[in-house]
Amino acid sequence: MNIDKQQIIDLLKNQGDNDKADQAEKELPDQVDTDQDKGLLSKFGINPQDLLGKLPGGLGGLGG
């Protein structure tokens, strides 16, 4: 599933992790593929399955 990079950055900022948010902004592609980019996501402490449930807009369990 593709997710806009800004949503991930906003999630990190909401968690109070501005350093990781800044790093993610530099390293992530504009559209993050949760399967292809899961290595990058894990670098920022993000589990792609958990990410889908935390994003604004209520994607909930659609990623599973």
N, C-alpha and C. Protein backbone atom coordinates (compact mmCIF):
# COMPACT_ATOMS: atom_id res chain seq x y z
N MET A 1 0.84 -1.18 0.00
CA MET A 1 0.00 0.00 0.00
C MET A 1 0.88 1.24 0.00
N ASN A 2 0.53 2.22 -0.78
CA ASN A 2 1.27 3.47 -0.84
C ASN A 2 0.70 4.48 0.15
N ILE A 3 1.61 5.13 0.86
CA ILE A 3 1.24 6.14 1.84
C ILE A 3 2.07 7.38 1.56
N ASP A 4 1.44 8.53 1.64
CA ASP A 4 2.15 9.78 1.44
C ASP A 4 3.19 9.99 2.54
N LYS A 5 4.39 10.37 2.14
CA LYS A 5 5.48 10.58 3.09
C LYS A 5 5.08 11.54 4.20
N GLN A 6 4.32 12.57 3.87
CA GLN A 6 3.95 13.58 4.86
C GLN A 6 3.14 12.97 6.00
N GLN A 7 2.32 11.97 5.71
CA GLN A 7 1.53 11.33 6.76
C GLN A 7 2.45 10.63 7.78
N ILE A 8 3.51 10.03 7.29
CA ILE A 8 4.46 9.35 8.18
C ILE A 8 5.21 10.39 9.01
N ILE A 9 5.61 11.48 8.37
CA ILE A 9 6.31 12.55 9.09
C ILE A 9 5.41 13.12 10.18
N ASP A 10 4.14 13.37 9.84
CA ASP A 10 3.20 13.90 10.82
C ASP A 10 3.01 12.93 11.98
N LEU A 11 2.95 11.63 11.68
CA LEU A 11 2.80 10.62 12.72
C LEU A 11 3.99 10.65 13.68
N LEU A 12 5.19 10.72 13.13
CA LEU A 12 6.38 10.78 13.97
C LEU A 12 6.39 12.04 14.84
N LYS A 13 5.99 13.16 14.25
CA LYS A 13 5.94 14.41 15.02
C LYS A 13 4.90 14.32 16.12
N ASN A 14 3.76 13.71 15.82
CA ASN A 14 2.71 13.55 16.84
C ASN A 14 3.17 12.67 17.99
N GLN A 15 4.10 11.77 17.70
CA GLN A 15 4.66 10.90 18.74
C GLN A 15 5.79 11.60 19.49
N GLY A 16 6.09 12.83 19.08
CA GLY A 16 7.12 13.61 19.76
C GLY A 16 8.53 13.30 19.30
N ASP A 17 8.67 12.64 18.16
CA ASP A 17 9.99 12.25 17.68
C ASP A 17 10.39 13.11 16.48
N ASN A 18 10.71 14.36 16.76
CA ASN A 18 11.05 15.30 15.69
C ASN A 18 12.34 14.95 14.95
N ASP A 19 13.30 14.32 15.67
CA ASP A 19 14.54 13.93 15.01
C ASP A 19 14.27 12.89 13.92
N LYS A 20 13.48 11.87 14.27
CA LYS A 20 13.15 10.85 13.27
C LYS A 20 12.29 11.44 12.16
N ALA A 21 11.41 12.37 12.49
CA ALA A 21 10.57 13.01 11.48
C ALA A 21 11.44 13.77 10.48
N ASP A 22 12.43 14.48 10.96
CA ASP A 22 13.34 15.22 10.08
C ASP A 22 14.14 14.27 9.19
N GLN A 23 14.59 13.18 9.79
CA GLN A 23 15.36 12.19 9.04
C GLN A 23 14.47 11.51 7.99
N ALA A 24 13.25 11.19 8.37
CA ALA A 24 12.31 10.55 7.43
C ALA A 24 12.02 11.47 6.26
N GLU A 25 11.92 12.76 6.53
CA GLU A 25 11.63 13.72 5.46
C GLU A 25 12.74 13.71 4.41
N LYS A 26 13.97 13.49 4.86
CA LYS A 26 15.11 13.48 3.95
C LYS A 26 15.24 12.15 3.21
N GLU A 27 14.87 11.04 3.86
CA GLU A 27 15.20 9.73 3.31
C GLU A 27 14.05 9.00 2.62
N LEU A 28 12.82 9.28 3.01
CA LEU A 28 11.70 8.55 2.43
C LEU A 28 11.30 9.12 1.07
N PRO A 29 10.86 8.24 0.17
CA PRO A 29 10.31 8.74 -1.10
C PRO A 29 8.98 9.44 -0.86
N ASP A 30 8.52 10.24 -1.82
CA ASP A 30 7.26 10.98 -1.66
C ASP A 30 6.09 10.04 -1.40
N GLN A 31 6.07 8.90 -2.09
CA GLN A 31 5.07 7.87 -1.86
C GLN A 31 5.78 6.65 -1.30
N VAL A 32 5.44 6.28 -0.08
CA VAL A 32 6.09 5.16 0.59
C VAL A 32 5.25 3.90 0.37
N ASP A 33 5.88 2.87 -0.17
CA ASP A 33 5.23 1.58 -0.36
C ASP A 33 5.49 0.77 0.90
N THR A 34 4.42 0.41 1.61
CA THR A 34 4.59 -0.25 2.91
C THR A 34 5.29 -1.60 2.79
N ASP A 35 5.21 -2.24 1.63
CA ASP A 35 5.91 -3.51 1.43
C ASP A 35 7.35 -3.28 0.99
N GLN A 36 7.52 -2.49 -0.04
CA GLN A 36 8.85 -2.26 -0.60
C GLN A 36 9.75 -1.48 0.36
N ASP A 37 9.19 -0.56 1.11
CA ASP A 37 9.98 0.33 1.96
C ASP A 37 9.92 -0.04 3.44
N LYS A 38 9.53 -1.28 3.74
CA LYS A 38 9.39 -1.63 5.16
C LYS A 38 10.72 -1.57 5.91
N GLY A 39 11.83 -1.78 5.22
CA GLY A 39 13.14 -1.63 5.85
C GLY A 39 13.39 -0.20 6.30
N LEU A 40 13.04 0.74 5.44
CA LEU A 40 13.18 2.16 5.80
C LEU A 40 12.25 2.52 6.95
N LEU A 41 11.01 2.01 6.88
CA LEU A 41 10.04 2.32 7.94
C LEU A 41 10.52 1.79 9.29
N SER A 42 11.08 0.58 9.28
CA SER A 42 11.54 0.00 10.55
C SER A 42 12.72 0.80 11.11
N LYS A 43 13.49 1.42 10.23
CA LYS A 43 14.59 2.29 10.67
C LYS A 43 14.07 3.44 11.53
N PHE A 44 12.84 3.86 11.24
CA PHE A 44 12.22 4.94 12.00
C PHE A 44 11.30 4.42 13.10
N GLY A 45 11.37 3.11 13.36
CA GLY A 45 10.58 2.53 14.42
C GLY A 45 9.12 2.34 14.07
N ILE A 46 8.84 2.20 12.77
CA ILE A 46 7.46 2.07 12.32
C ILE A 46 7.23 0.68 11.75
N ASN A 47 6.24 -0.01 12.28
CA ASN A 47 5.80 -1.29 11.74
C ASN A 47 4.71 -0.98 10.72
N PRO A 48 4.88 -1.39 9.46
CA PRO A 48 3.89 -1.06 8.44
C PRO A 48 2.46 -1.46 8.81
N GLN A 49 2.28 -2.60 9.45
CA GLN A 49 0.94 -3.03 9.83
C GLN A 49 0.36 -2.10 10.89
N ASP A 50 1.18 -1.70 11.86
CA ASP A 50 0.72 -0.77 12.89
C ASP A 50 0.46 0.60 12.29
N LEU A 51 1.28 0.99 11.33
CA LEU A 51 1.16 2.30 10.71
C LEU A 51 -0.22 2.51 10.11
N LEU A 52 -0.74 1.50 9.44
CA LEU A 52 -2.03 1.64 8.77
C LEU A 52 -3.15 1.93 9.77
N GLY A 53 -3.04 1.42 10.97
CA GLY A 53 -4.05 1.67 11.99
C GLY A 53 -3.91 3.02 12.67
N LYS A 54 -2.73 3.63 12.57
CA LYS A 54 -2.47 4.89 13.27
C LYS A 54 -2.67 6.12 12.41
N LEU A 55 -2.74 5.93 11.10
CA LEU A 55 -2.83 7.09 10.22
C LEU A 55 -4.17 7.80 10.34
N PRO A 56 -4.15 9.12 10.24
CA PRO A 56 -5.41 9.86 10.20
C PRO A 56 -6.23 9.40 9.00
N GLY A 57 -7.52 9.33 9.16
CA GLY A 57 -8.36 8.84 8.08
C GLY A 57 -8.87 7.46 8.33
N GLY A 58 -8.37 6.83 9.39
CA GLY A 58 -8.92 5.56 9.83
C GLY A 58 -8.80 4.41 8.85
N LEU A 59 -7.60 4.16 8.36
CA LEU A 59 -7.41 3.00 7.49
C LEU A 59 -7.58 1.70 8.27
N GLY A 60 -7.38 1.79 9.58
CA GLY A 60 -7.63 0.65 10.46
C GLY A 60 -6.99 -0.63 9.99
N GLY A 61 -7.76 -1.69 9.86
CA GLY A 61 -7.23 -2.99 9.53
C GLY A 61 -7.15 -3.28 8.04
N LEU A 62 -7.22 -2.28 7.20
CA LEU A 62 -7.20 -2.53 5.76
C LEU A 62 -5.88 -3.06 5.26
N GLY A 63 -4.82 -2.89 6.02
CA GLY A 63 -3.50 -3.32 5.55
C GLY A 63 -3.20 -4.77 5.81
N GLY A 64 -4.07 -5.49 6.53
CA GLY A 64 -3.72 -6.82 6.95
C GLY A 64 -4.15 -7.87 6.04
